[in-house]
Amino acid sequence: MTANTAPVELQNKAAASLLDAGSLPFAIALLRANDGKVVFANHLMSVIMRCRADAMRGKTITGLYDDGQQRSEAFKLLKKNSFVAPKQLKISNFENNSLTVTAASSLLKYQNQLCILVAFQTPSTDASNIKRLQIAIKRHNMALQAAQIGIWSWDLMSNKIAWDDTMHNLFGIKSGCFTGRQREFLDYVLPEDREEQREISKRYYQEGGKFDTKFRIMRPDGETRVIINRGEATKNNQDIVVSVVGVCWDVTENFALSAKIEHQALHDPLTGLLNRFEMQQRLADLLHSLSAEPSENTFCYFDLDRFKVVNDTYGHEAGDELLRQIAEHL
């Protein structure tokens, strides 16, 4: 750049629109030249700094022209050349995490203020941290595979759903066969559960947040499985849901065992009919509902005359068989 180049003048709305464009791969901040406080930050900067863009305004970023001497030296350079080549800086985000960034600077006017524009890409990480991260990711993936937990993501901008290999296994199809359409996913869900899943999808698509659902699927081999689905829908800085990430795992055996235990707790093991506790509970519920909405009902009580004679004469096995046959007719 030529010496004594005048600072670029940016129109307020146009500048904000341009600098915050999602296509820009840079974290960008405008700092007031006199005190280093933020007057503008784009979305990527807010992600890296762990602070909403609007909440950053009026604050200084530790290590980023927050020191008067640092600003003075930069200002002298920027007065001679309106662009300063990238250099490494150590900064801290608003969660007090230390970051190393390679930042380029420029001088410009924004909202009638002289500002320093700072731009950098995603913070660099030293080799040891990268190695630790790779090991952690590998262990995480091994744990997910061992537990047969599938991972899926839904990009709402392209309306495509991505499944990992475990998701394909859970649904009984070959890896890569899922086309990524929501309609195809719903086709696997049993008709009785399908509408509920459609409404749940619509809700987190509109509102975001976490979800925890359970549904049944029919695999291509005809087997019915019970699936748990948990995840979270994330929003961009315009409060619009842009992606959903979740995990699924098979709980068919647990579900069947739970249903069996519940059945055993509420039914007589000999006849399979409701036991006394559950019968009394249902009768109490019925009487309570009748008190709210009176109607005509009939209660039948059956008694087996001389049942003790059968037990005493032919033994308890015969008595049990008699009870079973009567239960079948009931």
C-alpha atoms as a PDB file:
ATOM      1  CA  MET A   1       0.000   0.000   0.000  1.00  0.00           C
ATOM      2  CA  THR A   2       1.157   3.553  -0.588  1.00  0.00           C
ATOM      3  CA  ALA A   3       2.147   5.765   2.317  1.00  0.00           C
ATOM      4  CA  ASN A   4      -0.400   8.068   3.964  1.00  0.00           C
ATOM      5  CA  THR A   5      -3.340   6.204   2.431  1.00  0.00           C
ATOM      6  CA  ALA A   6      -6.558   7.587   3.919  1.00  0.00           C
ATOM      7  CA  PRO A   7      -8.698   5.203   5.980  1.00  0.00           C
ATOM      8  CA  VAL A   8     -11.511   3.537   4.063  1.00  0.00           C
ATOM      9  CA  GLU A   9     -14.981   4.943   4.823  1.00  0.00           C
ATOM     10  CA  LEU A  10     -17.644   2.226   5.294  1.00  0.00           C
ATOM     11  CA  GLN A  11     -21.375   2.825   5.224  1.00  0.00           C
ATOM     12  CA  ASN A  12     -22.882   1.581   8.484  1.00  0.00           C
ATOM     13  CA  LYS A  13     -25.473  -0.942   7.265  1.00  0.00           C
ATOM     14  CA  ALA A  14     -23.491  -2.023   4.238  1.00  0.00           C
ATOM     15  CA  ALA A  15     -20.404  -2.628   6.365  1.00  0.00           C
ATOM     16  CA  ALA A  16     -22.282  -4.738   8.896  1.00  0.00           C
ATOM     17  CA  SER A  17     -23.892  -6.776   6.127  1.00  0.00           C
ATOM     18  CA  LEU A  18     -20.612  -7.331   4.288  1.00  0.00           C
ATOM     19  CA  LEU A  19     -18.452  -8.107   7.304  1.00  0.00           C
ATOM     20  CA  ASP A  20     -20.949 -10.536   8.817  1.00  0.00           C
ATOM     21  CA  ALA A  21     -21.507 -12.457   5.591  1.00  0.00           C
ATOM     22  CA  GLY A  22     -21.505 -16.175   6.287  1.00  0.00           C
ATOM     23  CA  SER A  23     -19.209 -16.831   3.334  1.00  0.00           C
ATOM     24  CA  LEU A  24     -16.297 -14.928   4.876  1.00  0.00           C
ATOM     25  CA  PRO A  25     -13.881 -17.437   6.459  1.00  0.00           C
ATOM     26  CA  PHE A  26     -12.489 -14.821   8.854  1.00  0.00           C
ATOM     27  CA  ALA A  27     -13.272 -13.713  12.373  1.00  0.00           C
ATOM     28  CA  ILE A  28     -13.615  -9.937  12.132  1.00  0.00           C
ATOM     29  CA  ALA A  29     -13.787  -7.202  14.764  1.00  0.00           C
ATOM     30  CA  LEU A  30     -13.755  -3.414  14.553  1.00  0.00           C
ATOM     31  CA  LEU A  31     -12.012  -1.771  17.511  1.00  0.00           C
ATOM     32  CA  ARG A  32     -12.142   1.915  18.363  1.00  0.00           C
ATOM     33  CA  ALA A  33      -8.691   3.367  17.723  1.00  0.00           C
ATOM     34  CA  ASN A  34      -8.689   5.464  20.910  1.00  0.00           C
ATOM     35  CA  ASP A  35      -9.563   2.775  23.479  1.00  0.00           C
ATOM     36  CA  GLY A  36      -9.588  -0.609  21.675  1.00  0.00           C
ATOM     37  CA  LYS A  37     -13.223  -1.362  22.538  1.00  0.00           C
ATOM     38  CA  VAL A  38     -15.315  -3.453  20.163  1.00  0.00           C
ATOM     39  CA  VAL A  39     -17.822  -1.590  17.996  1.00  0.00           C
ATOM     40  CA  PHE A  40     -18.590  -4.528  15.694  1.00  0.00           C
ATOM     41  CA  ALA A  41     -17.903  -8.289  15.589  1.00  0.00           C
ATOM     42  CA  ASN A  42     -19.106 -10.858  13.070  1.00  0.00           C
ATOM     43  CA  HIS A  43     -20.594 -14.255  13.904  1.00  0.00           C
ATOM     44  CA  LEU A  44     -17.345 -16.227  13.579  1.00  0.00           C
ATOM     45  CA  MET A  45     -15.639 -13.813  15.975  1.00  0.00           C
ATOM     46  CA  SER A  46     -18.459 -14.321  18.496  1.00  0.00           C
ATOM     47  CA  VAL A  47     -18.061 -18.112  18.214  1.00  0.00           C
ATOM     48  CA  ILE A  48     -14.298 -17.972  18.789  1.00  0.00           C
ATOM     49  CA  MET A  49     -14.590 -15.423  21.605  1.00  0.00           C
ATOM     50  CA  ARG A  50     -17.438 -17.367  23.275  1.00  0.00           C
ATOM     51  CA  CYS A  51     -19.596 -14.256  23.495  1.00  0.00           C
ATOM     52  CA  ARG A  52     -22.580 -12.957  21.546  1.00  0.00           C
ATOM     53  CA  ALA A  53     -21.643 -10.290  19.019  1.00  0.00           C
ATOM     54  CA  ASP A  54     -23.967  -7.691  20.548  1.00  0.00           C
ATOM     55  CA  ALA A  55     -22.634  -8.431  24.048  1.00  0.00           C
ATOM     56  CA  MET A  56     -19.043  -7.844  22.875  1.00  0.00           C
ATOM     57  CA  ARG A  57     -19.716  -4.223  21.928  1.00  0.00           C
ATOM     58  CA  GLY A  58     -18.067  -1.784  24.317  1.00  0.00           C
ATOM     59  CA  LYS A  59     -15.683  -4.440  25.676  1.00  0.00           C
ATOM     60  CA  THR A  60     -11.989  -4.990  25.052  1.00  0.00           C
ATOM     61  CA  ILE A  61     -10.501  -8.288  23.894  1.00  0.00           C
ATOM     62  CA  THR A  62      -7.524  -9.314  26.009  1.00  0.00           C
ATOM     63  CA  GLY A  63      -4.370  -9.212  23.880  1.00  0.00           C
ATOM     64  CA  LEU A  64      -6.081  -7.536  20.915  1.00  0.00           C
ATOM     65  CA  TYR A  65      -5.089  -3.867  21.023  1.00  0.00           C
ATOM     66  CA  ASP A  66      -6.375  -3.575  24.595  1.00  0.00           C
ATOM     67  CA  ASP A  67      -3.097  -1.963  25.714  1.00  0.00           C
ATOM     68  CA  GLY A  68      -2.485   1.731  25.033  1.00  0.00           C
ATOM     69  CA  GLN A  69       1.136   1.231  23.954  1.00  0.00           C
ATOM     70  CA  GLN A  70       0.134  -1.635  21.644  1.00  0.00           C
ATOM     71  CA  ARG A  71      -2.513   0.571  20.027  1.00  0.00           C
ATOM     72  CA  SER A  72      -0.091   3.495  19.713  1.00  0.00           C
ATOM     73  CA  GLU A  73       2.527   1.382  17.911  1.00  0.00           C
ATOM     74  CA  ALA A  74      -0.104  -0.136  15.636  1.00  0.00           C
ATOM     75  CA  PHE A  75      -1.594   3.283  14.933  1.00  0.00           C
ATOM     76  CA  LYS A  76       1.797   4.624  13.797  1.00  0.00           C
ATOM     77  CA  LEU A  77       2.180   1.710  11.386  1.00  0.00           C
ATOM     78  CA  LEU A  78      -1.370   2.032  10.131  1.00  0.00           C
ATOM     79  CA  LYS A  79      -0.970   5.753   9.472  1.00  0.00           C
ATOM     80  CA  LYS A  80       1.920   4.961   7.134  1.00  0.00           C
ATOM     81  CA  ASN A  81       0.333   1.869   5.583  1.00  0.00           C
ATOM     82  CA  SER A  82      -3.394   1.311   5.903  1.00  0.00           C
ATOM     83  CA  PHE A  83      -2.787  -2.462   5.987  1.00  0.00           C
ATOM     84  CA  VAL A  84      -0.504  -4.335   8.392  1.00  0.00           C
ATOM     85  CA  ALA A  85       0.582  -7.822   7.321  1.00  0.00           C
ATOM     86  CA  PRO A  86      -0.579 -10.775   9.465  1.00  0.00           C
ATOM     87  CA  LYS A  87       1.332 -11.455  12.666  1.00  0.00           C
ATOM     88  CA  GLN A  88       0.886 -13.821  15.578  1.00  0.00           C
ATOM     89  CA  LEU A  89      -0.936 -12.565  18.670  1.00  0.00           C
ATOM     90  CA  LYS A  90      -1.835 -14.260  21.938  1.00  0.00           C
ATOM     91  CA  ILE A  91      -5.349 -13.345  23.010  1.00  0.00           C
ATOM     92  CA  SER A  92      -7.946 -14.618  25.491  1.00  0.00           C
ATOM     93  CA  ASN A  93     -11.624 -15.219  24.828  1.00  0.00           C
ATOM     94  CA  PHE A  94     -14.402 -14.344  27.282  1.00  0.00           C
ATOM     95  CA  GLU A  95     -14.116 -17.756  28.948  1.00  0.00           C
ATOM     96  CA  ASN A  96     -10.441 -16.941  29.735  1.00  0.00           C
ATOM     97  CA  ASN A  97      -9.111 -19.522  27.276  1.00  0.00           C
ATOM     98  CA  SER A  98      -5.758 -18.551  25.755  1.00  0.00           C
ATOM     99  CA  LEU A  99      -5.642 -18.535  21.944  1.00  0.00           C
ATOM    100  CA  THR A 100      -2.893 -17.948  19.390  1.00  0.00           C
ATOM    101  CA  VAL A 101      -4.116 -16.182  16.256  1.00  0.00           C
ATOM    102  CA  THR A 102      -2.494 -14.775  13.128  1.00  0.00           C
ATOM    103  CA  ALA A 103      -4.194 -11.426  12.680  1.00  0.00           C
ATOM    104  CA  ALA A 104      -4.095  -8.799   9.948  1.00  0.00           C
ATOM    105  CA  SER A 105      -5.063  -5.192  10.703  1.00  0.00           C
ATOM    106  CA  SER A 106      -6.333  -2.223   8.767  1.00  0.00           C
ATOM    107  CA  LEU A 107      -7.440   1.328   9.546  1.00  0.00           C
ATOM    108  CA  LEU A 108     -10.897   2.529   8.542  1.00  0.00           C
ATOM    109  CA  LYS A 109     -13.774   4.777   9.521  1.00  0.00           C
ATOM    110  CA  TYR A 110     -16.998   3.188  10.709  1.00  0.00           C
ATOM    111  CA  GLN A 111     -20.023   5.027  12.145  1.00  0.00           C
ATOM    112  CA  ASN A 112     -17.954   8.235  12.086  1.00  0.00           C
ATOM    113  CA  GLN A 113     -15.293   6.635  14.287  1.00  0.00           C
ATOM    114  CA  LEU A 114     -11.685   5.831  13.483  1.00  0.00           C
ATOM    115  CA  CYS A 115     -11.391   2.057  13.915  1.00  0.00           C
ATOM    116  CA  ILE A 116      -8.865  -0.729  13.648  1.00  0.00           C
ATOM    117  CA  LEU A 117     -10.212  -3.665  11.653  1.00  0.00           C
ATOM    118  CA  VAL A 118      -8.757  -6.980  12.824  1.00  0.00           C
ATOM    119  CA  ALA A 119      -9.264 -10.228  10.904  1.00  0.00           C
ATOM    120  CA  PHE A 120      -7.994 -13.745  11.576  1.00  0.00           C
ATOM    121  CA  GLN A 121      -8.889 -17.334  10.811  1.00  0.00           C
ATOM    122  CA  THR A 122      -9.659 -20.061  13.323  1.00  0.00           C
ATOM    123  CA  PRO A 123      -7.030 -19.969  16.109  1.00  0.00           C
ATOM    124  CA  SER A 124      -4.049 -22.234  15.602  1.00  0.00           C
ATOM    125  CA  THR A 125      -3.293 -25.028  18.043  1.00  0.00           C
ATOM    126  CA  ASP A 126       0.109 -26.457  18.882  1.00  0.00           C
ATOM    127  CA  ALA A 127       1.031 -29.978  17.787  1.00  0.00           C
ATOM    128  CA  SER A 128       0.658 -31.532  21.252  1.00  0.00           C
ATOM    129  CA  ASN A 129      -2.881 -30.182  21.606  1.00  0.00           C
ATOM    130  CA  ILE A 130      -3.771 -31.484  18.142  1.00  0.00           C
ATOM    131  CA  LYS A 131      -2.407 -34.923  19.076  1.00  0.00           C
ATOM    132  CA  ARG A 132      -4.413 -34.966  22.318  1.00  0.00           C
ATOM    133  CA  LEU A 133      -7.523 -33.919  20.418  1.00  0.00           C
ATOM    134  CA  GLN A 134      -7.027 -36.684  17.835  1.00  0.00           C
ATOM    135  CA  ILE A 135      -6.623 -39.289  20.599  1.00  0.00           C
ATOM    136  CA  ALA A 136      -9.735 -38.015  22.386  1.00  0.00           C
ATOM    137  CA  ILE A 137     -11.781 -38.158  19.177  1.00  0.00           C
ATOM    138  CA  LYS A 138     -10.548 -41.706  18.443  1.00  0.00           C
ATOM    139  CA  ARG A 139     -11.474 -42.892  21.951  1.00  0.00           C
ATOM    140  CA  HIS A 140     -14.844 -41.187  21.679  1.00  0.00           C
ATOM    141  CA  ASN A 141     -15.581 -42.917  18.370  1.00  0.00           C
ATOM    142  CA  MET A 142     -14.483 -46.297  19.749  1.00  0.00           C
ATOM    143  CA  ALA A 143     -16.818 -45.869  22.731  1.00  0.00           C
ATOM    144  CA  LEU A 144     -19.735 -44.970  20.459  1.00  0.00           C
ATOM    145  CA  GLN A 145     -19.080 -47.983  18.216  1.00  0.00           C
ATOM    146  CA  ALA A 146     -18.768 -50.349  21.178  1.00  0.00           C
ATOM    147  CA  ALA A 147     -22.074 -49.085  22.585  1.00  0.00           C
ATOM    148  CA  GLN A 148     -23.696 -49.239  19.118  1.00  0.00           C
ATOM    149  CA  ILE A 149     -24.688 -45.570  19.313  1.00  0.00           C
ATOM    150  CA  GLY A 150     -25.418 -44.016  15.932  1.00  0.00           C
ATOM    151  CA  ILE A 151     -24.793 -40.355  15.126  1.00  0.00           C
ATOM    152  CA  TRP A 152     -26.884 -38.317  12.709  1.00  0.00           C
ATOM    153  CA  SER A 153     -27.084 -34.682  11.654  1.00  0.00           C
ATOM    154  CA  TRP A 154     -29.691 -32.689   9.772  1.00  0.00           C
ATOM    155  CA  ASP A 155     -28.592 -29.631   7.811  1.00  0.00           C
ATOM    156  CA  LEU A 156     -31.784 -27.598   7.548  1.00  0.00           C
ATOM    157  CA  MET A 157     -30.309 -25.252   4.954  1.00  0.00           C
ATOM    158  CA  SER A 158     -29.914 -28.112   2.452  1.00  0.00           C
ATOM    159  CA  ASN A 159     -32.634 -30.249   4.115  1.00  0.00           C
ATOM    160  CA  LYS A 160     -30.313 -33.274   4.114  1.00  0.00           C
ATOM    161  CA  ILE A 161     -29.858 -35.817   6.903  1.00  0.00           C
ATOM    162  CA  ALA A 162     -26.496 -37.571   7.295  1.00  0.00           C
ATOM    163  CA  TRP A 163     -26.086 -40.963   9.027  1.00  0.00           C
ATOM    164  CA  ASP A 164     -22.930 -42.671  10.200  1.00  0.00           C
ATOM    165  CA  ASP A 165     -22.353 -46.423   9.713  1.00  0.00           C
ATOM    166  CA  THR A 166     -23.912 -47.340  13.070  1.00  0.00           C
ATOM    167  CA  MET A 167     -27.145 -45.555  12.156  1.00  0.00           C
ATOM    168  CA  HIS A 168     -27.350 -47.682   9.002  1.00  0.00           C
ATOM    169  CA  ASN A 169     -26.778 -50.823  11.118  1.00  0.00           C
ATOM    170  CA  LEU A 170     -29.530 -49.851  13.566  1.00  0.00           C
ATOM    171  CA  PHE A 171     -32.019 -49.483  10.720  1.00  0.00           C
ATOM    172  CA  GLY A 172     -30.844 -52.701   9.041  1.00  0.00           C
ATOM    173  CA  ILE A 173     -29.532 -51.207   5.800  1.00  0.00           C
ATOM    174  CA  LYS A 174     -26.118 -51.117   4.141  1.00  0.00           C
ATOM    175  CA  SER A 175     -23.816 -48.167   4.767  1.00  0.00           C
ATOM    176  CA  GLY A 176     -24.472 -45.341   2.332  1.00  0.00           C
ATOM    177  CA  CYS A 177     -27.951 -46.537   1.315  1.00  0.00           C
ATOM    178  CA  PHE A 178     -29.812 -43.850   3.268  1.00  0.00           C
ATOM    179  CA  THR A 179     -30.575 -40.992   0.872  1.00  0.00           C
ATOM    180  CA  GLY A 180     -30.788 -38.261   3.524  1.00  0.00           C
ATOM    181  CA  ARG A 181     -34.480 -37.426   3.077  1.00  0.00           C
ATOM    182  CA  GLN A 182     -36.727 -37.082   6.134  1.00  0.00           C
ATOM    183  CA  ARG A 183     -39.518 -38.902   4.295  1.00  0.00           C
ATOM    184  CA  GLU A 184     -37.309 -41.986   3.971  1.00  0.00           C
ATOM    185  CA  PHE A 185     -36.537 -41.905   7.707  1.00  0.00           C
ATOM    186  CA  LEU A 186     -40.260 -41.658   8.545  1.00  0.00           C
ATOM    187  CA  ASP A 187     -40.981 -44.626   6.260  1.00  0.00           C
ATOM    188  CA  TYR A 188     -38.984 -46.810   8.681  1.00  0.00           C
ATOM    189  CA  VAL A 189     -41.029 -45.591  11.676  1.00  0.00           C
ATOM    190  CA  LEU A 190     -44.144 -47.640  12.491  1.00  0.00           C
ATOM    191  CA  PRO A 191     -47.380 -45.896  11.407  1.00  0.00           C
ATOM    192  CA  GLU A 192     -48.533 -45.681  15.049  1.00  0.00           C
ATOM    193  CA  ASP A 193     -45.446 -43.597  15.970  1.00  0.00           C
ATOM    194  CA  ARG A 194     -44.952 -41.742  12.686  1.00  0.00           C
ATOM    195  CA  GLU A 195     -47.189 -38.701  13.246  1.00  0.00           C
ATOM    196  CA  GLU A 196     -45.693 -38.064  16.695  1.00  0.00           C
ATOM    197  CA  GLN A 197     -42.168 -38.100  15.225  1.00  0.00           C
ATOM    198  CA  ARG A 198     -43.254 -35.760  12.438  1.00  0.00           C
ATOM    199  CA  GLU A 199     -44.637 -33.285  15.010  1.00  0.00           C
ATOM    200  CA  ILE A 200     -41.499 -33.534  17.163  1.00  0.00           C
ATOM    201  CA  SER A 201     -39.321 -32.806  14.124  1.00  0.00           C
ATOM    202  CA  LYS A 202     -41.469 -29.800  13.259  1.00  0.00           C
ATOM    203  CA  ARG A 203     -41.225 -28.481  16.831  1.00  0.00           C
ATOM    204  CA  TYR A 204     -37.437 -28.560  17.161  1.00  0.00           C
ATOM    205  CA  TYR A 205     -37.126 -27.294  13.584  1.00  0.00           C
ATOM    206  CA  GLN A 206     -39.078 -24.191  14.632  1.00  0.00           C
ATOM    207  CA  GLU A 207     -38.038 -23.732  18.268  1.00  0.00           C
ATOM    208  CA  GLY A 208     -34.628 -25.378  18.652  1.00  0.00           C
ATOM    209  CA  GLY A 209     -33.451 -26.860  21.946  1.00  0.00           C
ATOM    210  CA  LYS A 210     -32.924 -30.422  23.178  1.00  0.00           C
ATOM    211  CA  PHE A 211     -35.168 -33.406  22.514  1.00  0.00           C
ATOM    212  CA  ASP A 212     -35.508 -36.962  23.808  1.00  0.00           C
ATOM    213  CA  THR A 213     -37.854 -39.340  21.979  1.00  0.00           C
ATOM    214  CA  LYS A 214     -38.601 -43.048  21.642  1.00  0.00           C
ATOM    215  CA  PHE A 215     -40.130 -44.726  18.596  1.00  0.00           C
ATOM    216  CA  ARG A 216     -40.447 -48.108  16.900  1.00  0.00           C
ATOM    217  CA  ILE A 217     -39.102 -48.946  13.458  1.00  0.00           C
ATOM    218  CA  MET A 218     -39.679 -51.765  10.991  1.00  0.00           C
ATOM    219  CA  ARG A 219     -36.402 -52.916   9.434  1.00  0.00           C
ATOM    220  CA  PRO A 220     -36.239 -54.265   5.860  1.00  0.00           C
ATOM    221  CA  ASP A 221     -35.914 -57.814   7.290  1.00  0.00           C
ATOM    222  CA  GLY A 222     -39.316 -57.378   8.995  1.00  0.00           C
ATOM    223  CA  GLU A 223     -37.933 -57.048  12.521  1.00  0.00           C
ATOM    224  CA  THR A 224     -39.442 -54.392  14.799  1.00  0.00           C
ATOM    225  CA  ARG A 225     -36.965 -52.484  16.977  1.00  0.00           C
ATOM    226  CA  VAL A 226     -37.367 -49.782  19.638  1.00  0.00           C
ATOM    227  CA  ILE A 227     -35.067 -46.764  19.207  1.00  0.00           C
ATOM    228  CA  ILE A 228     -34.122 -43.942  21.589  1.00  0.00           C
ATOM    229  CA  ASN A 229     -33.331 -40.651  19.839  1.00  0.00           C
ATOM    230  CA  ARG A 230     -31.671 -37.732  21.657  1.00  0.00           C
ATOM    231  CA  GLY A 231     -30.150 -34.539  20.331  1.00  0.00           C
ATOM    232  CA  GLU A 232     -30.214 -30.775  20.077  1.00  0.00           C
ATOM    233  CA  ALA A 233     -31.212 -28.223  17.461  1.00  0.00           C
ATOM    234  CA  THR A 234     -28.810 -25.261  17.195  1.00  0.00           C
ATOM    235  CA  LYS A 235     -29.544 -21.706  16.087  1.00  0.00           C
ATOM    236  CA  ASN A 236     -27.421 -19.112  14.318  1.00  0.00           C
ATOM    237  CA  ASN A 237     -26.930 -15.551  15.576  1.00  0.00           C
ATOM    238  CA  GLN A 238     -30.234 -14.581  13.925  1.00  0.00           C
ATOM    239  CA  ASP A 239     -32.029 -17.060  16.256  1.00  0.00           C
ATOM    240  CA  ILE A 240     -32.846 -19.370  13.335  1.00  0.00           C
ATOM    241  CA  VAL A 241     -32.430 -23.145  13.662  1.00  0.00           C
ATOM    242  CA  VAL A 242     -29.834 -24.199  11.082  1.00  0.00           C
ATOM    243  CA  SER A 243     -28.813 -27.711  12.129  1.00  0.00           C
ATOM    244  CA  VAL A 244     -29.843 -30.635  14.299  1.00  0.00           C
ATOM    245  CA  VAL A 245     -27.433 -33.232  15.703  1.00  0.00           C
ATOM    246  CA  GLY A 246     -28.498 -36.366  17.525  1.00  0.00           C
ATOM    247  CA  VAL A 247     -27.679 -39.910  18.611  1.00  0.00           C
ATOM    248  CA  CYS A 248     -29.745 -43.108  18.410  1.00  0.00           C
ATOM    249  CA  TRP A 249     -29.443 -46.480  20.077  1.00  0.00           C
ATOM    250  CA  ASP A 250     -31.481 -49.689  20.214  1.00  0.00           C
ATOM    251  CA  VAL A 251     -33.381 -50.418  23.464  1.00  0.00           C
ATOM    252  CA  THR A 252     -35.576 -53.251  22.188  1.00  0.00           C
ATOM    253  CA  GLU A 253     -34.390 -55.810  24.755  1.00  0.00           C
ATOM    254  CA  ASN A 254     -34.586 -53.315  27.626  1.00  0.00           C
ATOM    255  CA  PHE A 255     -38.044 -52.227  26.483  1.00  0.00           C
ATOM    256  CA  ALA A 256     -39.263 -55.840  26.310  1.00  0.00           C
ATOM    257  CA  LEU A 257     -37.810 -56.623  29.749  1.00  0.00           C
ATOM    258  CA  SER A 258     -39.410 -53.510  31.245  1.00  0.00           C
ATOM    259  CA  ALA A 259     -42.778 -54.437  29.725  1.00  0.00           C
ATOM    260  CA  LYS A 260     -42.433 -57.984  31.087  1.00  0.00           C
ATOM    261  CA  ILE A 261     -41.610 -56.753  34.596  1.00  0.00           C
ATOM    262  CA  GLU A 262     -44.542 -54.325  34.496  1.00  0.00           C
ATOM    263  CA  HIS A 263     -46.880 -57.110  33.329  1.00  0.00           C
ATOM    264  CA  GLN A 264     -45.694 -59.427  36.102  1.00  0.00           C
ATOM    265  CA  ALA A 265     -46.233 -56.713  38.708  1.00  0.00           C
ATOM    266  CA  LEU A 266     -49.842 -56.114  37.616  1.00  0.00           C
ATOM    267  CA  HIS A 267     -51.045 -59.591  36.615  1.00  0.00           C
ATOM    268  CA  ASP A 268     -51.615 -62.932  38.320  1.00  0.00           C
ATOM    269  CA  PRO A 269     -48.835 -65.342  37.245  1.00  0.00           C
ATOM    270  CA  LEU A 270     -51.223 -68.324  37.100  1.00  0.00           C
ATOM    271  CA  THR A 271     -54.140 -66.949  35.073  1.00  0.00           C
ATOM    272  CA  GLY A 272     -52.588 -63.900  33.394  1.00  0.00           C
ATOM    273  CA  LEU A 273     -55.526 -61.807  34.625  1.00  0.00           C
ATOM    274  CA  LEU A 274     -55.164 -58.538  36.535  1.00  0.00           C
ATOM    275  CA  ASN A 275     -54.077 -59.111  40.134  1.00  0.00           C
ATOM    276  CA  ARG A 276     -55.952 -57.738  43.128  1.00  0.00           C
ATOM    277  CA  PHE A 277     -53.785 -54.599  43.426  1.00  0.00           C
ATOM    278  CA  GLU A 278     -54.262 -53.549  39.792  1.00  0.00           C
ATOM    279  CA  MET A 279     -57.967 -54.466  39.861  1.00  0.00           C
ATOM    280  CA  GLN A 280     -58.504 -52.264  42.917  1.00  0.00           C
ATOM    281  CA  GLN A 281     -56.512 -49.434  41.298  1.00  0.00           C
ATOM    282  CA  ARG A 282     -58.550 -49.563  38.082  1.00  0.00           C
ATOM    283  CA  LEU A 283     -61.794 -49.759  40.025  1.00  0.00           C
ATOM    284  CA  ALA A 284     -60.798 -46.681  42.057  1.00  0.00           C
ATOM    285  CA  ASP A 285     -59.936 -44.802  38.839  1.00  0.00           C
ATOM    286  CA  LEU A 286     -63.289 -45.791  37.332  1.00  0.00           C
ATOM    287  CA  LEU A 287     -65.229 -44.610  40.385  1.00  0.00           C
ATOM    288  CA  HIS A 288     -63.325 -41.324  40.347  1.00  0.00           C
ATOM    289  CA  SER A 289     -64.159 -40.752  36.677  1.00  0.00           C
ATOM    290  CA  LEU A 290     -67.832 -41.561  37.347  1.00  0.00           C
ATOM    291  CA  SER A 291     -67.973 -38.920  40.072  1.00  0.00           C
ATOM    292  CA  ALA A 292     -66.927 -36.310  37.500  1.00  0.00           C
ATOM    293  CA  GLU A 293     -69.182 -37.597  34.679  1.00  0.00           C
ATOM    294  CA  PRO A 294     -71.987 -39.820  36.056  1.00  0.00           C
ATOM    295  CA  SER A 295     -73.140 -42.612  33.744  1.00  0.00           C
ATOM    296  CA  GLU A 296     -74.617 -46.110  33.979  1.00  0.00           C
ATOM    297  CA  ASN A 297     -72.067 -48.905  34.507  1.00  0.00           C
ATOM    298  CA  THR A 298     -72.174 -52.546  35.535  1.00  0.00           C
ATOM    299  CA  PHE A 299     -69.749 -54.330  37.829  1.00  0.00           C
ATOM    300  CA  CYS A 300     -69.701 -58.140  37.710  1.00  0.00           C
ATOM    301  CA  TYR A 301     -68.328 -60.256  40.538  1.00  0.00           C
ATOM    302  CA  PHE A 302     -67.745 -64.001  39.993  1.00  0.00           C
ATOM    303  CA  ASP A 303     -67.360 -66.460  42.828  1.00  0.00           C
ATOM    304  CA  LEU A 304     -66.357 -70.121  42.431  1.00  0.00           C
ATOM    305  CA  ASP A 305     -68.539 -72.238  44.699  1.00  0.00           C
ATOM    306  CA  ARG A 306     -66.927 -75.261  46.354  1.00  0.00           C
ATOM    307  CA  PHE A 307     -63.519 -74.507  44.825  1.00  0.00           C
ATOM    308  CA  LYS A 308     -61.897 -75.729  48.048  1.00  0.00           C
ATOM    309  CA  VAL A 309     -63.427 -79.167  47.429  1.00  0.00           C
ATOM    310  CA  VAL A 310     -61.580 -79.413  44.087  1.00  0.00           C
ATOM    311  CA  ASN A 311     -58.273 -78.541  45.775  1.00  0.00           C
ATOM    312  CA  ASP A 312     -58.810 -80.962  48.665  1.00  0.00           C
ATOM    313  CA  THR A 313     -60.027 -83.841  46.462  1.00  0.00           C
ATOM    314  CA  TYR A 314     -57.826 -83.626  43.369  1.00  0.00           C
ATOM    315  CA  GLY A 315     -54.909 -81.508  44.595  1.00  0.00           C
ATOM    316  CA  HIS A 316     -53.713 -77.960  43.940  1.00  0.00           C
ATOM    317  CA  GLU A 317     -52.535 -78.766  40.412  1.00  0.00           C
ATOM    318  CA  ALA A 318     -56.104 -79.587  39.407  1.00  0.00           C
ATOM    319  CA  GLY A 319     -57.316 -76.422  41.134  1.00  0.00           C
ATOM    320  CA  ASP A 320     -54.765 -74.360  39.226  1.00  0.00           C
ATOM    321  CA  GLU A 321     -55.817 -75.935  35.922  1.00  0.00           C
ATOM    322  CA  LEU A 322     -59.467 -75.133  36.684  1.00  0.00           C
ATOM    323  CA  LEU A 323     -58.548 -71.484  37.318  1.00  0.00           C
ATOM    324  CA  ARG A 324     -56.588 -71.330  34.056  1.00  0.00           C
ATOM    325  CA  GLN A 325     -59.499 -72.704  32.023  1.00  0.00           C
ATOM    326  CA  ILE A 326     -61.965 -70.285  33.615  1.00  0.00           C
ATOM    327  CA  ALA A 327     -59.540 -67.399  32.922  1.00  0.00           C
ATOM    328  CA  GLU A 328     -59.417 -68.373  29.230  1.00  0.00           C
ATOM    329  CA  HIS A 329     -63.211 -68.094  29.023  1.00  0.00           C
ATOM    330  CA  LEU A 330     -63.170 -64.715  30.783  1.00  0.00           C
END
